[in-house]
Amino acid sequence: MSDVNGAVMAPSRWRDALNPAIYLISLLPGLVVLMHADVRSAGRVLAATVAVILLQHAINVLNDVADWKLGADVEKWDSWVRVHEGTRVALWHGGLSFLAGSLLGLMVLVATQKLWILGVAAPLVILGYLYNAGPRPLSYTQLGEWATGLCYGGVFACLWLLTGKPFDAAAFAGALAFACFAVALLLSHQPPQIATDRAAGKHSFAVRYGTGRTIRVARGLFLLALVSLTANLWLGSTNGLVTVVFVLAAVTAGRNVWSGTPNPRSILLQGTMAVSAGMAALILAAMFG
């Protein structure tokens, strides 16, 4: 079987395409915001985080569709296009996930009487759509990395605002952290795909600057994300033990990423380790403090 671009199709299993670990990039902002949230706002933050995960899933599926149609990533075995054996069902899959995430997010805003946050969230949703839409998606231009950073920095900002807290220096530090974290993750994904991306006309950072610079920038952005998260916890007046434990875990995470070649798995797992250490310290402090 072949698709519209003539590439040979071979079905893949949905478990291969799902890659659950990739959704940590949407889960972690919610976990960090929960470190600052009170009991009343915790539920709304969790619901909104689920909405963000659904939107990320939609973007992942639609990105596979866009790449397949434009000739990039056609060698990608775990593509959702292969799972659905064509772009038509994959397009519906991505569209329904996009609709579900948008509706859930809107319901949270209505229930909490914070519809004004749409002024921040709606442009981010549109930007996520444009990342894959049309004959020249943002992901194929030099704006792709900027769009990714803006979206995930904005995700943190929206979740923060749901708690009722003002957008202060702590909020800015958290938004910067996840903007850097998301772009570091994206860059770590690019080097193995330089040849096919260049052939498809994709102007990714790695295509423009090469493997070496992409790896160095990915490392630097990951370290900046850890520093910014430390600032978020400190400025947000989080329990001192939480900040100390996070810093210790962050030092280990930064060293591990810096000493190796960054890849999506290492960046996600090391970032998750640091945030999880902070969450564990917060839970222990609440139990025994």
Protein backbone atom coordinates (compact mmCIF):
# COMPACT_ATOMS: atom_id res chain seq x y z
CA MET A 1 0.00 0.00 0.00
CA SER A 2 1.22 3.53 -0.75
CA ASP A 3 0.01 6.98 0.22
CA VAL A 4 -0.62 10.04 -1.95
CA ASN A 5 3.08 10.96 -2.02
CA GLY A 6 4.02 7.50 -3.31
CA ALA A 7 5.78 6.37 -0.18
CA VAL A 8 5.32 2.72 0.68
CA MET A 9 2.93 2.21 3.55
CA ALA A 10 3.41 -0.44 6.21
CA PRO A 11 1.08 -0.51 9.20
CA SER A 12 2.43 0.15 12.68
CA ARG A 13 0.94 -0.53 16.10
CA TRP A 14 -0.74 2.34 17.93
CA ARG A 15 1.38 1.60 21.02
CA ASP A 16 4.52 2.39 19.01
CA ALA A 17 3.10 5.68 17.70
CA LEU A 18 1.66 6.79 21.05
CA ASN A 19 5.04 7.03 22.83
CA PRO A 20 3.54 7.98 26.24
CA ALA A 21 6.77 9.55 27.54
CA ILE A 22 6.48 12.42 25.04
CA TYR A 23 3.41 13.72 26.89
CA LEU A 24 5.54 14.51 29.91
CA ILE A 25 6.25 17.86 28.23
CA SER A 26 2.57 18.74 28.79
CA LEU A 27 2.26 17.06 32.20
CA LEU A 28 5.29 18.68 33.84
CA PRO A 29 4.02 22.31 33.65
CA GLY A 30 0.87 21.17 35.45
CA LEU A 31 2.90 19.43 38.17
CA VAL A 32 5.04 22.51 38.76
CA VAL A 33 1.96 24.76 38.97
CA LEU A 34 0.46 22.30 41.47
CA MET A 35 3.47 22.94 43.72
CA HIS A 36 2.19 26.51 44.07
CA ALA A 37 -1.58 25.85 43.98
CA ASP A 38 -3.92 25.59 46.93
CA VAL A 39 -6.41 22.74 47.36
CA ARG A 40 -9.26 24.67 45.74
CA SER A 41 -7.42 25.29 42.48
CA ALA A 42 -5.70 21.88 42.20
CA GLY A 43 -8.65 20.21 40.44
CA ARG A 44 -8.95 22.89 37.77
CA VAL A 45 -5.21 22.75 37.10
CA LEU A 46 -5.34 18.97 36.66
CA ALA A 47 -8.34 19.19 34.29
CA ALA A 48 -6.64 21.89 32.24
CA THR A 49 -3.48 19.78 32.10
CA VAL A 50 -5.49 16.92 30.58
CA ALA A 51 -6.79 19.40 27.99
CA VAL A 52 -3.20 20.38 27.16
CA ILE A 53 -2.23 16.70 26.76
CA LEU A 54 -5.14 16.17 24.34
CA LEU A 55 -4.05 19.20 22.32
CA GLN A 56 -0.46 17.98 22.24
CA HIS A 57 -1.67 14.57 21.05
CA ALA A 58 -3.62 16.28 18.27
CA ILE A 59 -0.56 18.25 17.21
CA ASN A 60 1.59 15.08 17.22
CA VAL A 61 -0.89 13.24 14.99
CA LEU A 62 -1.39 16.20 12.64
CA ASN A 63 2.36 16.69 12.46
CA ASP A 64 2.74 13.12 11.23
CA VAL A 65 0.09 13.82 8.59
CA ALA A 66 1.77 17.05 7.46
CA ASP A 67 5.21 15.42 7.34
CA TRP A 68 3.92 12.47 5.34
CA LYS A 69 2.15 14.66 2.79
CA LEU A 70 5.18 16.92 2.38
CA GLY A 71 7.68 14.08 2.16
CA ALA A 72 9.44 14.37 5.53
CA ASP A 73 9.60 11.51 8.05
CA VAL A 74 8.24 9.02 5.51
CA GLU A 75 10.77 6.55 6.94
CA LYS A 76 9.30 7.04 10.42
CA TRP A 77 8.03 3.63 11.46
CA ASP A 78 5.96 4.82 14.42
CA SER A 79 4.03 7.46 12.46
CA TRP A 80 0.28 7.74 13.10
CA VAL A 81 -0.16 7.70 9.32
CA ARG A 82 1.18 4.14 9.32
CA VAL A 83 -1.09 3.18 12.22
CA HIS A 84 -4.14 4.33 10.27
CA GLU A 85 -2.68 3.15 6.91
CA GLY A 86 -3.25 6.54 5.33
CA THR A 87 -3.66 10.22 6.05
CA ARG A 88 -7.47 10.42 5.97
CA VAL A 89 -8.22 8.56 9.22
CA ALA A 90 -5.13 10.08 10.86
CA LEU A 91 -6.48 13.53 9.99
CA TRP A 92 -9.80 12.73 11.68
CA HIS A 93 -7.95 11.31 14.67
CA GLY A 94 -5.94 14.49 15.12
CA GLY A 95 -8.95 16.72 14.54
CA LEU A 96 -11.09 14.96 17.15
CA SER A 97 -8.31 15.13 19.73
CA PHE A 98 -7.89 18.83 18.97
CA LEU A 99 -11.63 19.41 19.42
CA ALA A 100 -11.74 17.42 22.68
CA GLY A 101 -8.81 19.31 24.18
CA SER A 102 -10.24 22.68 23.15
CA LEU A 103 -13.69 21.89 24.58
CA LEU A 104 -12.29 20.56 27.87
CA GLY A 105 -10.14 23.65 28.28
CA LEU A 106 -13.12 25.89 27.54
CA MET A 107 -15.25 24.00 30.09
CA VAL A 108 -12.61 24.57 32.78
CA LEU A 109 -12.56 28.29 32.04
CA VAL A 110 -16.37 28.53 32.11
CA ALA A 111 -16.62 26.52 35.35
CA THR A 112 -14.03 28.71 37.07
CA GLN A 113 -15.40 31.95 35.61
CA LYS A 114 -12.02 32.74 34.08
CA LEU A 115 -13.00 33.11 30.42
CA TRP A 116 -10.64 36.08 30.19
CA ILE A 117 -7.76 33.59 30.08
CA LEU A 118 -8.98 32.81 26.55
CA GLY A 119 -7.19 35.99 25.56
CA VAL A 120 -3.95 34.12 26.26
CA ALA A 121 -5.01 30.55 25.46
CA ALA A 122 -6.83 31.06 22.15
CA PRO A 123 -3.80 32.49 20.28
CA LEU A 124 -1.74 29.56 21.56
CA VAL A 125 -4.30 27.05 20.25
CA ILE A 126 -4.32 28.83 16.88
CA LEU A 127 -0.52 28.80 16.84
CA GLY A 128 -0.57 25.06 17.57
CA TYR A 129 -2.95 24.56 14.65
CA LEU A 130 -0.79 26.62 12.28
CA TYR A 131 2.25 24.59 13.34
CA ASN A 132 0.97 21.82 11.03
CA ALA A 133 -1.64 23.48 8.82
CA GLY A 134 -1.49 24.34 5.13
CA PRO A 135 1.08 23.76 2.40
CA ARG A 136 3.75 25.59 4.43
CA PRO A 137 3.25 24.81 8.15
CA LEU A 138 5.15 26.81 10.76
CA SER A 139 7.07 23.64 11.61
CA TYR A 140 8.69 23.87 8.14
CA THR A 141 9.88 27.44 8.61
CA GLN A 142 12.43 29.19 10.79
CA LEU A 143 9.57 30.07 13.13
CA GLY A 144 8.98 26.44 14.16
CA GLU A 145 11.21 26.49 17.23
CA TRP A 146 9.93 29.93 18.30
CA ALA A 147 6.32 28.74 17.99
CA THR A 148 7.09 25.69 20.13
CA GLY A 149 8.69 27.75 22.88
CA LEU A 150 5.89 30.31 22.86
CA CYS A 151 3.21 27.62 23.09
CA TYR A 152 4.71 25.76 26.04
CA GLY A 153 5.70 28.92 27.87
CA GLY A 154 2.12 30.05 27.34
CA VAL A 155 0.77 26.73 28.62
CA PHE A 156 2.54 27.28 31.93
CA ALA A 157 1.26 30.86 32.08
CA CYS A 158 -2.36 29.78 31.52
CA LEU A 159 -2.16 27.05 34.15
CA TRP A 160 -0.61 29.54 36.58
CA LEU A 161 -3.39 32.05 35.99
CA LEU A 162 -5.97 29.33 36.71
CA THR A 163 -4.72 29.22 40.30
CA GLY A 164 -5.75 32.85 40.78
CA LYS A 165 -2.15 33.99 41.31
CA PRO A 166 -0.88 37.14 39.57
CA PHE A 167 1.57 36.80 36.71
CA ASP A 168 4.64 37.83 38.64
CA ALA A 169 8.38 37.12 38.47
CA ALA A 170 7.86 33.51 39.60
CA ALA A 171 5.31 32.96 36.84
CA PHE A 172 7.66 34.46 34.25
CA ALA A 173 10.50 32.19 35.40
CA GLY A 174 8.24 29.13 35.08
CA ALA A 175 7.03 30.15 31.62
CA LEU A 176 10.63 30.72 30.49
CA ALA A 177 11.62 27.33 31.90
CA PHE A 178 9.06 25.40 29.89
CA ALA A 179 9.67 27.44 26.75
CA CYS A 180 13.34 26.44 26.97
CA PHE A 181 12.52 22.86 27.94
CA ALA A 182 10.18 22.39 24.96
CA VAL A 183 12.64 23.83 22.45
CA ALA A 184 15.48 21.74 23.89
CA LEU A 185 13.29 18.67 23.43
CA LEU A 186 12.46 19.66 19.84
CA LEU A 187 16.10 20.31 18.94
CA SER A 188 17.22 16.98 20.42
CA HIS A 189 14.78 15.30 18.03
CA GLN A 190 16.09 16.95 14.86
CA PRO A 191 19.66 15.76 14.08
CA PRO A 192 18.79 12.21 12.92
CA GLN A 193 16.24 13.67 10.46
CA ILE A 194 18.39 16.33 8.81
CA ALA A 195 18.60 14.56 5.42
CA THR A 196 14.88 13.91 5.01
CA ASP A 197 13.93 17.31 6.45
CA ARG A 198 16.25 19.10 4.03
CA ALA A 199 14.91 17.08 1.10
CA ALA A 200 11.34 18.02 2.08
CA GLY A 201 12.22 21.71 2.32
CA LYS A 202 11.96 21.83 6.08
CA HIS A 203 14.02 24.68 7.58
CA SER A 204 14.46 23.23 11.04
CA PHE A 205 17.24 24.50 13.32
CA ALA A 206 19.31 21.38 12.62
CA VAL A 207 18.93 21.80 8.85
CA ARG A 208 20.04 25.43 9.11
CA TYR A 209 22.93 25.02 11.56
CA GLY A 210 23.97 21.37 11.59
CA THR A 211 24.19 18.63 14.20
CA GLY A 212 26.95 20.04 16.41
CA ARG A 213 25.36 23.42 17.04
CA THR A 214 21.93 21.89 17.51
CA ILE A 215 23.25 19.59 20.24
CA ARG A 216 25.05 22.45 22.01
CA VAL A 217 21.97 24.68 21.96
CA ALA A 218 19.75 21.82 23.18
CA ARG A 219 22.09 21.30 26.14
CA GLY A 220 22.18 25.01 26.93
CA LEU A 221 18.40 25.39 26.78
CA PHE A 222 17.91 22.40 29.06
CA LEU A 223 20.27 23.90 31.65
CA LEU A 224 18.51 27.28 31.37
CA ALA A 225 15.19 25.50 31.94
CA LEU A 226 16.51 23.97 35.18
CA VAL A 227 17.84 27.32 36.39
CA SER A 228 14.55 29.02 35.56
CA LEU A 229 12.57 26.34 37.38
CA THR A 230 14.76 26.84 40.43
CA ALA A 231 13.96 30.57 40.26
CA ASN A 232 10.26 29.77 39.94
CA LEU A 233 10.27 27.66 43.10
CA TRP A 234 12.32 30.18 45.07
CA LEU A 235 10.42 33.28 43.94
CA GLY A 236 7.10 31.52 44.41
CA SER A 237 7.86 31.02 48.11
CA THR A 238 7.65 27.26 47.83
CA ASN A 239 8.73 25.28 50.90
CA GLY A 240 12.51 25.68 51.22
CA LEU A 241 13.03 21.93 51.37
CA VAL A 242 11.33 21.57 47.99
CA THR A 243 13.69 24.07 46.39
CA VAL A 244 16.78 22.43 47.91
CA VAL A 245 15.72 18.94 46.82
CA PHE A 246 14.89 20.19 43.33
CA VAL A 247 18.28 21.90 42.99
CA LEU A 248 20.09 18.70 43.98
CA ALA A 249 18.08 16.68 41.45
CA ALA A 250 18.51 19.39 38.81
CA VAL A 251 22.30 19.33 39.18
CA THR A 252 22.27 15.59 38.52
CA ALA A 253 19.88 15.99 35.59
CA GLY A 254 21.94 18.78 34.04
CA ARG A 255 25.16 16.80 34.39
CA ASN A 256 23.62 13.73 32.76
CA VAL A 257 22.32 15.66 29.75
CA TRP A 258 25.51 17.69 29.37
CA SER A 259 27.77 14.63 29.44
CA GLY A 260 25.86 12.76 26.73
CA THR A 261 24.24 13.49 23.39
CA PRO A 262 20.81 15.02 24.09
CA ASN A 263 17.85 13.07 22.78
CA PRO A 264 14.12 13.31 23.53
CA ARG A 265 14.21 10.40 25.96
CA SER A 266 17.11 11.74 28.03
CA ILE A 267 15.74 15.28 28.22
CA LEU A 268 12.25 14.13 29.19
CA LEU A 269 13.43 11.60 31.76
CA GLN A 270 16.00 13.90 33.37
CA GLY A 271 13.52 16.79 33.54
CA THR A 272 10.88 14.50 34.99
CA MET A 273 13.32 13.22 37.59
CA ALA A 274 14.04 16.75 38.81
CA VAL A 275 10.38 17.81 38.96
CA SER A 276 9.35 14.52 40.60
CA ALA A 277 11.99 15.00 43.29
CA GLY A 278 10.52 18.42 44.07
CA MET A 279 6.98 17.02 44.14
CA ALA A 280 8.04 14.21 46.48
CA ALA A 281 9.67 16.73 48.84
CA LEU A 282 6.49 18.84 48.79
CA ILE A 283 4.31 15.83 49.67
CA LEU A 284 6.64 14.81 52.51
CA ALA A 285 6.74 18.35 53.85
CA ALA A 286 2.92 18.46 53.82
CA MET A 287 2.68 15.10 55.59
CA PHE A 288 5.25 15.73 58.32
CA GLY A 289 5.54 19.52 58.40
